[in-house]
Amino acid sequence: MPVQIVRNDITKIKCDAIVNAANNSLLGGGGVDGAVHRAAGRGLLEECRRLGGCKTGEAKITGAYHLPCKYVIHTVGPVWHGGGYGEEQLLISCYRNSLKLAKEYKCETVAFPLISAGVYGYPKDEALRVAVNEISRFLLENEMTVTIVVYDKQSFQISKKLISDIREYIDERYIDEHFVARSNILYSDGSLPKQSSANLRDIVGSVDESFSEMLLRKIDEKGMTDAQCYKKANIDRKLFSKIRNNPGYKPSKATAIAFAVALELPLEEAADLLLKAGYALSPSSKFDVIVEYFIRHHRYDIFEINEALFEFDQPLLGM
């Protein structure tokens, strides 16, 4: 998965480089910065002393010492002063300069905290938006796996209205409308809805087209390139190659849904694509209900969907 979100301690992430939300001195501090220095040991402090500090928005790289990674990329985020003092551009620079260094040092896997979202006071939802936008923009032209690491759920909050709307969809609207059999969808246990005898002929008639073949046809119909599709789906290039080169390849359910989202398929077409992989959206799965909410409301930003799935403790879309 090129971009993933995990709840963990960033000092325990095994990857090529972790990004440290540092202060201008680079000599350690509180929050993520202090945790990184404590876990890395005195060698990191000694190397940082030789760097002569770091300006806000810039980034510098060191060894990782006792951390389970190769490098530490130190970047200094802006202190939030209300948003009218260039904070967003400085935060954007943090991500761009950190990713540039990671690429220069041939890092394939990088882990970021939410820069400036702690004691520096940057609003968490805005900090997340900047992080996802900049990482996504970078990954459109570069191959790298990036992890956004949050320490606890309070560090990661999406729109309260969105969460409220999804909860309402799960608790009320979904119960009213979706425990009724739907004519074009198989339930996750493989059983057919009661009123699907006519639909069964359609399913059998289209069985010759595999998931891979249907996916490639849809990509062509949308006028997308392969790269545009798998990057928008948050899918690794190597996995997409397996799907492309093997017509019989069966992806995971999360991967199949990710492609339906990337292609911006309406609910009925998304259900058809899932059926090709042997899956369906089930009324008994909270994961499926959340995904259905976004597709039904034509909200196809996979990172927004993953934020909501993360909020509800569900697996994320992608590889």
C-alpha atoms as a PDB file:
ATOM      1  CA  MET A   1       0.000   0.000   0.000  1.00  0.00           C
ATOM      2  CA  PRO A   2       1.808   3.193  -1.115  1.00  0.00           C
ATOM      3  CA  VAL A   3       0.162   5.266   1.666  1.00  0.00           C
ATOM      4  CA  GLN A   4      -1.004   3.676   4.869  1.00  0.00           C
ATOM      5  CA  ILE A   5      -2.095   4.980   8.241  1.00  0.00           C
ATOM      6  CA  VAL A   6      -1.193   3.107  11.418  1.00  0.00           C
ATOM      7  CA  ARG A   7      -1.553   3.723  15.124  1.00  0.00           C
ATOM      8  CA  ASN A   8       1.852   3.017  16.601  1.00  0.00           C
ATOM      9  CA  ASP A   9       4.992   4.454  18.130  1.00  0.00           C
ATOM     10  CA  ILE A  10       7.063   5.787  15.209  1.00  0.00           C
ATOM     11  CA  THR A  11      10.288   4.721  16.931  1.00  0.00           C
ATOM     12  CA  LYS A  12       9.181   1.087  16.530  1.00  0.00           C
ATOM     13  CA  ILE A  13       8.447   1.245  12.788  1.00  0.00           C
ATOM     14  CA  LYS A  14      10.765  -0.863  10.625  1.00  0.00           C
ATOM     15  CA  CYS A  15      11.447   1.062   7.437  1.00  0.00           C
ATOM     16  CA  ASP A  16      14.232   2.794   5.525  1.00  0.00           C
ATOM     17  CA  ALA A  17      13.670   6.186   7.160  1.00  0.00           C
ATOM     18  CA  ILE A  18      11.488   7.762   9.801  1.00  0.00           C
ATOM     19  CA  VAL A  19      10.768  11.481   9.841  1.00  0.00           C
ATOM     20  CA  ASN A  20      11.351  13.314  13.105  1.00  0.00           C
ATOM     21  CA  ALA A  21       9.245  16.373  13.900  1.00  0.00           C
ATOM     22  CA  ALA A  22      12.235  18.278  15.266  1.00  0.00           C
ATOM     23  CA  ASN A  23      12.858  21.766  16.628  1.00  0.00           C
ATOM     24  CA  ASN A  24      15.287  24.272  15.119  1.00  0.00           C
ATOM     25  CA  SER A  25      18.211  23.140  17.258  1.00  0.00           C
ATOM     26  CA  LEU A  26      17.846  19.442  16.251  1.00  0.00           C
ATOM     27  CA  LEU A  27      19.007  18.607  19.777  1.00  0.00           C
ATOM     28  CA  GLY A  28      15.844  16.916  20.992  1.00  0.00           C
ATOM     29  CA  GLY A  29      12.745  18.139  22.740  1.00  0.00           C
ATOM     30  CA  GLY A  30       9.309  16.872  23.653  1.00  0.00           C
ATOM     31  CA  GLY A  31       6.795  14.697  21.850  1.00  0.00           C
ATOM     32  CA  VAL A  32       8.006  12.785  18.791  1.00  0.00           C
ATOM     33  CA  ASP A  33      11.362  14.581  18.861  1.00  0.00           C
ATOM     34  CA  GLY A  34      12.168  13.475  22.386  1.00  0.00           C
ATOM     35  CA  ALA A  35      10.981   9.933  21.750  1.00  0.00           C
ATOM     36  CA  VAL A  36      13.193   9.629  18.638  1.00  0.00           C
ATOM     37  CA  HIS A  37      16.293  10.871  20.475  1.00  0.00           C
ATOM     38  CA  ARG A  38      15.685   8.590  23.454  1.00  0.00           C
ATOM     39  CA  ALA A  39      15.211   5.525  21.256  1.00  0.00           C
ATOM     40  CA  ALA A  40      18.165   6.302  18.973  1.00  0.00           C
ATOM     41  CA  GLY A  41      20.663   6.949  21.742  1.00  0.00           C
ATOM     42  CA  ARG A  42      23.457   9.441  22.255  1.00  0.00           C
ATOM     43  CA  GLY A  43      24.974   8.885  18.814  1.00  0.00           C
ATOM     44  CA  LEU A  44      22.043  10.690  17.200  1.00  0.00           C
ATOM     45  CA  LEU A  45      22.494  13.716  19.441  1.00  0.00           C
ATOM     46  CA  GLU A  46      26.211  13.906  18.640  1.00  0.00           C
ATOM     47  CA  GLU A  47      25.556  13.806  14.895  1.00  0.00           C
ATOM     48  CA  CYS A  48      22.785  16.403  15.164  1.00  0.00           C
ATOM     49  CA  ARG A  49      25.151  18.769  16.968  1.00  0.00           C
ATOM     50  CA  ARG A  50      27.350  18.812  13.880  1.00  0.00           C
ATOM     51  CA  LEU A  51      24.463  19.832  11.599  1.00  0.00           C
ATOM     52  CA  GLY A  52      24.135  23.363  12.966  1.00  0.00           C
ATOM     53  CA  GLY A  53      20.372  23.299  13.383  1.00  0.00           C
ATOM     54  CA  CYS A  54      17.618  23.418  10.761  1.00  0.00           C
ATOM     55  CA  LYS A  55      15.317  26.162   9.511  1.00  0.00           C
ATOM     56  CA  THR A  56      11.538  25.793   9.667  1.00  0.00           C
ATOM     57  CA  GLY A  57      10.263  23.991   6.575  1.00  0.00           C
ATOM     58  CA  GLU A  58      13.649  22.454   5.748  1.00  0.00           C
ATOM     59  CA  ALA A  59      14.941  18.933   6.399  1.00  0.00           C
ATOM     60  CA  LYS A  60      18.227  17.213   7.235  1.00  0.00           C
ATOM     61  CA  ILE A  61      19.166  13.539   7.407  1.00  0.00           C
ATOM     62  CA  THR A  62      21.204  11.489   9.885  1.00  0.00           C
ATOM     63  CA  GLY A  63      21.880   7.894  10.761  1.00  0.00           C
ATOM     64  CA  ALA A  64      19.344   6.051  12.906  1.00  0.00           C
ATOM     65  CA  TYR A  65      21.646   4.415  15.491  1.00  0.00           C
ATOM     66  CA  HIS A  66      19.496   2.206  17.762  1.00  0.00           C
ATOM     67  CA  LEU A  67      16.272   2.765  15.836  1.00  0.00           C
ATOM     68  CA  PRO A  68      14.969  -0.056  13.566  1.00  0.00           C
ATOM     69  CA  CYS A  69      15.539   1.991  10.385  1.00  0.00           C
ATOM     70  CA  LYS A  70      18.471   3.248   8.302  1.00  0.00           C
ATOM     71  CA  TYR A  71      17.958   6.994   8.522  1.00  0.00           C
ATOM     72  CA  VAL A  72      16.222   9.720  10.473  1.00  0.00           C
ATOM     73  CA  ILE A  73      15.004  12.690   8.440  1.00  0.00           C
ATOM     74  CA  HIS A  74      14.648  15.718  10.710  1.00  0.00           C
ATOM     75  CA  THR A  75      12.237  18.446   9.659  1.00  0.00           C
ATOM     76  CA  VAL A  76      11.047  21.501  11.561  1.00  0.00           C
ATOM     77  CA  GLY A  77       7.355  22.230  11.288  1.00  0.00           C
ATOM     78  CA  PRO A  78       5.718  25.619  11.808  1.00  0.00           C
ATOM     79  CA  VAL A  79       4.158  26.757  15.068  1.00  0.00           C
ATOM     80  CA  TRP A  80       0.476  27.487  14.516  1.00  0.00           C
ATOM     81  CA  HIS A  81      -0.373  31.192  14.893  1.00  0.00           C
ATOM     82  CA  GLY A  82      -3.854  31.114  13.412  1.00  0.00           C
ATOM     83  CA  GLY A  83      -3.008  30.300   9.800  1.00  0.00           C
ATOM     84  CA  GLY A  84      -2.176  33.783   8.593  1.00  0.00           C
ATOM     85  CA  TYR A  85       1.599  33.569   8.906  1.00  0.00           C
ATOM     86  CA  GLY A  86       2.502  31.163   6.109  1.00  0.00           C
ATOM     87  CA  GLU A  87       2.087  28.067   8.247  1.00  0.00           C
ATOM     88  CA  GLU A  88       0.594  25.943   5.468  1.00  0.00           C
ATOM     89  CA  GLN A  89       3.398  26.644   2.994  1.00  0.00           C
ATOM     90  CA  LEU A  90       5.998  25.886   5.650  1.00  0.00           C
ATOM     91  CA  LEU A  91       4.277  22.603   6.488  1.00  0.00           C
ATOM     92  CA  ILE A  92       4.087  21.717   2.791  1.00  0.00           C
ATOM     93  CA  SER A  93       7.829  22.388   2.572  1.00  0.00           C
ATOM     94  CA  CYS A  94       8.450  19.985   5.453  1.00  0.00           C
ATOM     95  CA  TYR A  95       6.865  17.123   3.526  1.00  0.00           C
ATOM     96  CA  ARG A  96       8.377  18.043   0.168  1.00  0.00           C
ATOM     97  CA  ASN A  97      11.907  18.427   1.531  1.00  0.00           C
ATOM     98  CA  SER A  98      11.648  15.251   3.608  1.00  0.00           C
ATOM     99  CA  LEU A  99      10.437  13.205   0.640  1.00  0.00           C
ATOM    100  CA  LYS A 100      13.134  14.735  -1.561  1.00  0.00           C
ATOM    101  CA  LEU A 101      15.798  13.594   0.905  1.00  0.00           C
ATOM    102  CA  ALA A 102      14.224  10.143   1.152  1.00  0.00           C
ATOM    103  CA  LYS A 103      14.356   9.793  -2.624  1.00  0.00           C
ATOM    104  CA  GLU A 104      17.950  11.077  -2.759  1.00  0.00           C
ATOM    105  CA  TYR A 105      18.994   8.399  -0.262  1.00  0.00           C
ATOM    106  CA  LYS A 106      17.063   5.717  -2.197  1.00  0.00           C
ATOM    107  CA  CYS A 107      14.564   5.018   0.567  1.00  0.00           C
ATOM    108  CA  GLU A 108      11.720   2.723  -0.459  1.00  0.00           C
ATOM    109  CA  THR A 109       9.773   2.949   2.819  1.00  0.00           C
ATOM    110  CA  VAL A 110       9.302   6.089   4.915  1.00  0.00           C
ATOM    111  CA  ALA A 111       7.263   6.792   8.056  1.00  0.00           C
ATOM    112  CA  PHE A 112       5.947  10.264   8.961  1.00  0.00           C
ATOM    113  CA  PRO A 113       4.320  11.583  12.116  1.00  0.00           C
ATOM    114  CA  LEU A 114       1.699  14.303  11.756  1.00  0.00           C
ATOM    115  CA  ILE A 115       4.165  17.188  11.687  1.00  0.00           C
ATOM    116  CA  SER A 116       3.286  20.239  13.839  1.00  0.00           C
ATOM    117  CA  ALA A 117       0.039  18.627  15.072  1.00  0.00           C
ATOM    118  CA  GLY A 118       1.290  18.207  18.639  1.00  0.00           C
ATOM    119  CA  VAL A 119       2.706  20.941  20.868  1.00  0.00           C
ATOM    120  CA  TYR A 120       3.088  23.257  17.855  1.00  0.00           C
ATOM    121  CA  GLY A 121      -0.704  23.465  17.759  1.00  0.00           C
ATOM    122  CA  TYR A 122      -1.429  22.943  14.046  1.00  0.00           C
ATOM    123  CA  PRO A 123      -5.091  21.802  13.754  1.00  0.00           C
ATOM    124  CA  LYS A 124      -4.983  18.034  13.339  1.00  0.00           C
ATOM    125  CA  ASP A 125      -7.469  17.830  10.470  1.00  0.00           C
ATOM    126  CA  GLU A 126      -5.576  20.506   8.530  1.00  0.00           C
ATOM    127  CA  ALA A 127      -2.214  18.886   9.306  1.00  0.00           C
ATOM    128  CA  LEU A 128      -3.545  15.577   7.994  1.00  0.00           C
ATOM    129  CA  ARG A 129      -4.911  17.205   4.828  1.00  0.00           C
ATOM    130  CA  VAL A 130      -1.504  18.746   4.061  1.00  0.00           C
ATOM    131  CA  ALA A 131       0.266  15.450   4.774  1.00  0.00           C
ATOM    132  CA  VAL A 132      -2.001  13.365   2.534  1.00  0.00           C
ATOM    133  CA  ASN A 133      -2.022  15.939  -0.286  1.00  0.00           C
ATOM    134  CA  GLU A 134       1.755  16.308  -0.422  1.00  0.00           C
ATOM    135  CA  ILE A 135       2.525  12.616  -0.036  1.00  0.00           C
ATOM    136  CA  SER A 136      -0.044  11.750  -2.703  1.00  0.00           C
ATOM    137  CA  ARG A 137       1.358  14.355  -5.088  1.00  0.00           C
ATOM    138  CA  PHE A 138       4.862  12.938  -4.617  1.00  0.00           C
ATOM    139  CA  LEU A 139       3.703   9.368  -5.183  1.00  0.00           C
ATOM    140  CA  LEU A 140       2.091  10.236  -8.502  1.00  0.00           C
ATOM    141  CA  GLU A 141       5.595  10.452  -9.941  1.00  0.00           C
ATOM    142  CA  ASN A 142       7.633   8.307  -7.554  1.00  0.00           C
ATOM    143  CA  GLU A 143       7.553   4.737  -6.263  1.00  0.00           C
ATOM    144  CA  MET A 144       7.716   4.658  -2.473  1.00  0.00           C
ATOM    145  CA  THR A 145       5.666   3.303   0.410  1.00  0.00           C
ATOM    146  CA  VAL A 146       4.790   5.974   2.954  1.00  0.00           C
ATOM    147  CA  THR A 147       3.269   5.385   6.376  1.00  0.00           C
ATOM    148  CA  ILE A 148       1.558   8.076   8.417  1.00  0.00           C
ATOM    149  CA  VAL A 149       2.001   7.093  12.052  1.00  0.00           C
ATOM    150  CA  VAL A 150      -0.300   8.361  14.779  1.00  0.00           C
ATOM    151  CA  TYR A 151       0.238   7.543  18.429  1.00  0.00           C
ATOM    152  CA  ASP A 152      -3.380   7.458  19.539  1.00  0.00           C
ATOM    153  CA  LYS A 153      -6.839   8.036  18.144  1.00  0.00           C
ATOM    154  CA  GLN A 154      -7.031  11.519  19.637  1.00  0.00           C
ATOM    155  CA  SER A 155      -4.126  12.469  17.369  1.00  0.00           C
ATOM    156  CA  PHE A 156      -6.188  11.590  14.325  1.00  0.00           C
ATOM    157  CA  GLN A 157      -9.547  13.243  13.878  1.00  0.00           C
ATOM    158  CA  ILE A 158     -11.467  13.764  10.676  1.00  0.00           C
ATOM    159  CA  SER A 159     -14.506  15.959  10.254  1.00  0.00           C
ATOM    160  CA  LYS A 160     -16.930  15.438  13.118  1.00  0.00           C
ATOM    161  CA  LYS A 161     -19.814  16.050  10.718  1.00  0.00           C
ATOM    162  CA  LEU A 162     -18.552  13.328   8.372  1.00  0.00           C
ATOM    163  CA  ILE A 163     -18.231  10.857  11.236  1.00  0.00           C
ATOM    164  CA  SER A 164     -21.711  11.791  12.419  1.00  0.00           C
ATOM    165  CA  ASP A 165     -23.132  11.272   8.920  1.00  0.00           C
ATOM    166  CA  ILE A 166     -21.474   7.852   8.607  1.00  0.00           C
ATOM    167  CA  ARG A 167     -22.716   6.788  12.041  1.00  0.00           C
ATOM    168  CA  GLU A 168     -26.227   7.847  11.075  1.00  0.00           C
ATOM    169  CA  TYR A 169     -25.914   5.873   7.831  1.00  0.00           C
ATOM    170  CA  ILE A 170     -24.814   2.780   9.748  1.00  0.00           C
ATOM    171  CA  ASP A 171     -27.277   3.045  12.625  1.00  0.00           C
ATOM    172  CA  GLU A 172     -30.432   4.244  10.889  1.00  0.00           C
ATOM    173  CA  ARG A 173     -30.630   4.518   7.100  1.00  0.00           C
ATOM    174  CA  TYR A 174     -28.727   1.327   6.430  1.00  0.00           C
ATOM    175  CA  ILE A 175     -30.914  -0.721   8.749  1.00  0.00           C
ATOM    176  CA  ASP A 176     -34.065   0.686   7.167  1.00  0.00           C
ATOM    177  CA  GLU A 177     -33.076  -0.037   3.568  1.00  0.00           C
ATOM    178  CA  HIS A 178     -30.268  -2.552   3.261  1.00  0.00           C
ATOM    179  CA  PHE A 179     -31.201  -5.649   5.211  1.00  0.00           C
ATOM    180  CA  VAL A 180     -33.645  -6.179   2.355  1.00  0.00           C
ATOM    181  CA  ALA A 181     -32.180  -8.389  -0.392  1.00  0.00           C
ATOM    182  CA  ARG A 182     -30.714  -6.406  -3.274  1.00  0.00           C
ATOM    183  CA  SER A 183     -31.225  -7.860  -6.717  1.00  0.00           C
ATOM    184  CA  ASN A 184     -27.746  -7.209  -8.065  1.00  0.00           C
ATOM    185  CA  ILE A 185     -25.540  -8.177  -5.117  1.00  0.00           C
ATOM    186  CA  LEU A 186     -24.481 -11.475  -3.601  1.00  0.00           C
ATOM    187  CA  TYR A 187     -24.053 -11.509   0.163  1.00  0.00           C
ATOM    188  CA  SER A 188     -20.609 -12.142   1.548  1.00  0.00           C
ATOM    189  CA  ASP A 189     -21.379 -15.756   2.450  1.00  0.00           C
ATOM    190  CA  GLY A 190     -22.042 -16.445  -1.231  1.00  0.00           C
ATOM    191  CA  SER A 191     -25.823 -16.773  -0.948  1.00  0.00           C
ATOM    192  CA  LEU A 192     -28.096 -15.096  -3.467  1.00  0.00           C
ATOM    193  CA  PRO A 193     -30.802 -12.627  -2.443  1.00  0.00           C
ATOM    194  CA  LYS A 194     -34.287 -14.115  -2.724  1.00  0.00           C
ATOM    195  CA  GLN A 195     -35.387 -12.089  -5.744  1.00  0.00           C
ATOM    196  CA  SER A 196     -32.331 -12.817  -7.863  1.00  0.00           C
ATOM    197  CA  SER A 197     -33.332 -15.699 -10.134  1.00  0.00           C
ATOM    198  CA  ALA A 198     -33.412 -13.459 -13.224  1.00  0.00           C
ATOM    199  CA  ASN A 199     -30.199 -11.816 -12.151  1.00  0.00           C
ATOM    200  CA  LEU A 200     -28.500 -15.207 -11.943  1.00  0.00           C
ATOM    201  CA  ARG A 201     -28.733 -15.527 -15.738  1.00  0.00           C
ATOM    202  CA  ASP A 202     -26.913 -12.198 -16.107  1.00  0.00           C
ATOM    203  CA  ILE A 203     -24.188 -13.345 -13.726  1.00  0.00           C
ATOM    204  CA  VAL A 204     -23.682 -16.644 -15.541  1.00  0.00           C
ATOM    205  CA  GLY A 205     -23.757 -14.890 -18.898  1.00  0.00           C
ATOM    206  CA  SER A 206     -20.922 -12.572 -17.934  1.00  0.00           C
ATOM    207  CA  VAL A 207     -18.767 -15.144 -16.136  1.00  0.00           C
ATOM    208  CA  ASP A 208     -16.285 -15.347 -19.022  1.00  0.00           C
ATOM    209  CA  GLU A 209     -14.834 -11.922 -18.204  1.00  0.00           C
ATOM    210  CA  SER A 210     -12.421 -12.111 -15.268  1.00  0.00           C
ATOM    211  CA  PHE A 211     -11.786  -9.414 -12.673  1.00  0.00           C
ATOM    212  CA  SER A 212      -8.529  -8.496 -14.408  1.00  0.00           C
ATOM    213  CA  GLU A 213     -10.195  -8.224 -17.804  1.00  0.00           C
ATOM    214  CA  MET A 214     -13.068  -6.149 -16.485  1.00  0.00           C
ATOM    215  CA  LEU A 215     -10.685  -3.873 -14.589  1.00  0.00           C
ATOM    216  CA  LEU A 216      -8.545  -3.217 -17.676  1.00  0.00           C
ATOM    217  CA  ARG A 217     -11.654  -2.583 -19.761  1.00  0.00           C
ATOM    218  CA  LYS A 218     -12.943  -0.073 -17.217  1.00  0.00           C
ATOM    219  CA  ILE A 219      -9.569   1.698 -17.131  1.00  0.00           C
ATOM    220  CA  ASP A 220      -9.717   2.092 -20.915  1.00  0.00           C
ATOM    221  CA  GLU A 221     -13.336   3.271 -20.793  1.00  0.00           C
ATOM    222  CA  LYS A 222     -12.417   5.934 -18.233  1.00  0.00           C
ATOM    223  CA  GLY A 223      -9.511   7.126 -20.395  1.00  0.00           C
ATOM    224  CA  MET A 224      -7.040   6.511 -17.580  1.00  0.00           C
ATOM    225  CA  THR A 225      -3.514   5.158 -17.755  1.00  0.00           C
ATOM    226  CA  ASP A 226      -2.631   2.112 -15.692  1.00  0.00           C
ATOM    227  CA  ALA A 227      -0.424   4.235 -13.434  1.00  0.00           C
ATOM    228  CA  GLN A 228      -3.163   6.797 -12.849  1.00  0.00           C
ATOM    229  CA  CYS A 229      -5.523   4.044 -11.803  1.00  0.00           C
ATOM    230  CA  TYR A 230      -3.294   2.066  -9.449  1.00  0.00           C
ATOM    231  CA  LYS A 231      -1.904   5.188  -7.810  1.00  0.00           C
ATOM    232  CA  LYS A 232      -5.392   6.602  -7.305  1.00  0.00           C
ATOM    233  CA  ALA A 233      -6.369   3.209  -5.837  1.00  0.00           C
ATOM    234  CA  ASN A 234      -3.410   3.345  -3.422  1.00  0.00           C
ATOM    235  CA  ILE A 235      -2.131   0.090  -4.920  1.00  0.00           C
ATOM    236  CA  ASP A 236       1.493  -0.918  -5.350  1.00  0.00           C
ATOM    237  CA  ARG A 237       2.771  -1.114  -8.934  1.00  0.00           C
ATOM    238  CA  LYS A 238       4.015  -4.685  -8.440  1.00  0.00           C
ATOM    239  CA  LEU A 239       0.577  -5.860  -7.343  1.00  0.00           C
ATOM    240  CA  PHE A 240      -1.060  -4.156 -10.318  1.00  0.00           C
ATOM    241  CA  SER A 241       1.398  -5.942 -12.625  1.00  0.00           C
ATOM    242  CA  LYS A 242       0.323  -9.287 -11.152  1.00  0.00           C
ATOM    243  CA  ILE A 243      -3.313  -8.450 -11.812  1.00  0.00           C
ATOM    244  CA  ARG A 244      -2.624  -7.223 -15.348  1.00  0.00           C
ATOM    245  CA  ASN A 245      -0.488 -10.221 -16.322  1.00  0.00           C
ATOM    246  CA  ASN A 246      -2.687 -12.907 -14.783  1.00  0.00           C
ATOM    247  CA  PRO A 247      -6.319 -12.859 -15.961  1.00  0.00           C
ATOM    248  CA  GLY A 248      -7.211 -15.354 -13.238  1.00  0.00           C
ATOM    249  CA  TYR A 249      -5.658 -13.382 -10.383  1.00  0.00           C
ATOM    250  CA  LYS A 250      -8.006 -12.960  -7.405  1.00  0.00           C
ATOM    251  CA  PRO A 251      -7.310  -9.768  -5.423  1.00  0.00           C
ATOM    252  CA  SER A 252      -8.237  -9.160  -1.810  1.00  0.00           C
ATOM    253  CA  LYS A 253     -11.599  -7.539  -1.192  1.00  0.00           C
ATOM    254  CA  ALA A 254      -9.925  -4.293  -0.078  1.00  0.00           C
ATOM    255  CA  THR A 255      -7.930  -4.192  -3.314  1.00  0.00           C
ATOM    256  CA  ALA A 256     -11.007  -4.827  -5.474  1.00  0.00           C
ATOM    257  CA  ILE A 257     -12.934  -2.063  -3.713  1.00  0.00           C
ATOM    258  CA  ALA A 258      -9.953   0.287  -4.030  1.00  0.00           C
ATOM    259  CA  PHE A 259     -10.064  -0.097  -7.815  1.00  0.00           C
ATOM    260  CA  ALA A 260     -13.828   0.519  -7.860  1.00  0.00           C
ATOM    261  CA  VAL A 261     -13.200   3.736  -5.927  1.00  0.00           C
ATOM    262  CA  ALA A 262     -10.307   4.781  -8.180  1.00  0.00           C
ATOM    263  CA  LEU A 263     -12.513   4.278 -11.238  1.00  0.00           C
ATOM    264  CA  GLU A 264     -15.308   6.268  -9.544  1.00  0.00           C
ATOM    265  CA  LEU A 265     -17.831   3.561 -10.319  1.00  0.00           C
ATOM    266  CA  PRO A 266     -21.448   4.034  -9.217  1.00  0.00           C
ATOM    267  CA  LEU A 267     -22.705   1.493  -6.700  1.00  0.00           C
ATOM    268  CA  GLU A 268     -24.166  -0.976  -9.218  1.00  0.00           C
ATOM    269  CA  GLU A 269     -20.998  -1.028 -11.341  1.00  0.00           C
ATOM    270  CA  ALA A 270     -18.843  -1.305  -8.233  1.00  0.00           C
ATOM    271  CA  ALA A 271     -20.901  -4.331  -7.179  1.00  0.00           C
ATOM    272  CA  ASP A 272     -20.358  -5.896 -10.629  1.00  0.00           C
ATOM    273  CA  LEU A 273     -16.585  -5.429 -10.361  1.00  0.00           C
ATOM    274  CA  LEU A 274     -16.565  -6.961  -6.884  1.00  0.00           C
ATOM    275  CA  LEU A 275     -18.540  -9.962  -8.119  1.00  0.00           C
ATOM    276  CA  LYS A 276     -15.790 -10.644 -10.659  1.00  0.00           C
ATOM    277  CA  ALA A 277     -13.411 -11.135  -7.731  1.00  0.00           C
ATOM    278  CA  GLY A 278     -15.962 -13.193  -5.792  1.00  0.00           C
ATOM    279  CA  TYR A 279     -16.989 -10.517  -3.290  1.00  0.00           C
ATOM    280  CA  ALA A 280     -20.012  -8.393  -2.426  1.00  0.00           C
ATOM    281  CA  LEU A 281     -20.953  -5.594  -0.073  1.00  0.00           C
ATOM    282  CA  SER A 282     -22.643  -7.209   2.893  1.00  0.00           C
ATOM    283  CA  PRO A 283     -25.148  -5.633   5.304  1.00  0.00           C
ATOM    284  CA  SER A 284     -23.430  -7.473   8.161  1.00  0.00           C
ATOM    285  CA  SER A 285     -20.039  -5.783   7.671  1.00  0.00           C
ATOM    286  CA  LYS A 286     -19.316  -2.315   9.080  1.00  0.00           C
ATOM    287  CA  PHE A 287     -16.391  -2.036   6.631  1.00  0.00           C
ATOM    288  CA  ASP A 288     -18.746  -2.637   3.700  1.00  0.00           C
ATOM    289  CA  VAL A 289     -21.348  -0.193   4.990  1.00  0.00           C
ATOM    290  CA  ILE A 290     -18.775   2.600   5.328  1.00  0.00           C
ATOM    291  CA  VAL A 291     -17.447   1.973   1.827  1.00  0.00           C
ATOM    292  CA  GLU A 292     -20.983   1.932   0.475  1.00  0.00           C
ATOM    293  CA  TYR A 293     -21.675   5.282   2.161  1.00  0.00           C
ATOM    294  CA  PHE A 294     -18.853   6.938   0.223  1.00  0.00           C
ATOM    295  CA  ILE A 295     -19.707   5.321  -3.113  1.00  0.00           C
ATOM    296  CA  ARG A 296     -23.398   6.156  -2.761  1.00  0.00           C
ATOM    297  CA  HIS A 297     -22.494   9.786  -2.011  1.00  0.00           C
ATOM    298  CA  HIS A 298     -19.998   9.917  -4.927  1.00  0.00           C
ATOM    299  CA  ARG A 299     -17.056  10.640  -2.617  1.00  0.00           C
ATOM    300  CA  TYR A 300     -14.160   8.835  -4.262  1.00  0.00           C
ATOM    301  CA  ASP A 301     -11.130  10.193  -2.397  1.00  0.00           C
ATOM    302  CA  ILE A 302      -9.531   6.975  -1.176  1.00  0.00           C
ATOM    303  CA  PHE A 303      -7.590   8.771   1.532  1.00  0.00           C
ATOM    304  CA  GLU A 304     -10.758  10.303   2.949  1.00  0.00           C
ATOM    305  CA  ILE A 305     -12.353   6.838   2.923  1.00  0.00           C
ATOM    306  CA  ASN A 306      -9.320   5.384   4.695  1.00  0.00           C
ATOM    307  CA  GLU A 307      -9.481   8.134   7.312  1.00  0.00           C
ATOM    308  CA  ALA A 308     -13.083   7.146   8.034  1.00  0.00           C
ATOM    309  CA  LEU A 309     -12.230   3.424   8.096  1.00  0.00           C
ATOM    310  CA  PHE A 310      -9.391   4.172  10.500  1.00  0.00           C
ATOM    311  CA  GLU A 311     -11.755   6.145  12.748  1.00  0.00           C
ATOM    312  CA  PHE A 312     -14.079   3.129  12.942  1.00  0.00           C
ATOM    313  CA  ASP A 313     -11.212   0.632  13.499  1.00  0.00           C
ATOM    314  CA  GLN A 314     -11.662  -1.019  10.105  1.00  0.00           C
ATOM    315  CA  PRO A 315      -8.983  -2.243   7.656  1.00  0.00           C
ATOM    316  CA  LEU A 316      -7.908   0.268   5.032  1.00  0.00           C
ATOM    317  CA  LEU A 317      -8.340   0.202   1.257  1.00  0.00           C
ATOM    318  CA  GLY A 318      -5.449  -0.633  -1.021  1.00  0.00           C
ATOM    319  CA  MET A 319      -2.936  -3.431  -1.108  1.00  0.00           C
END
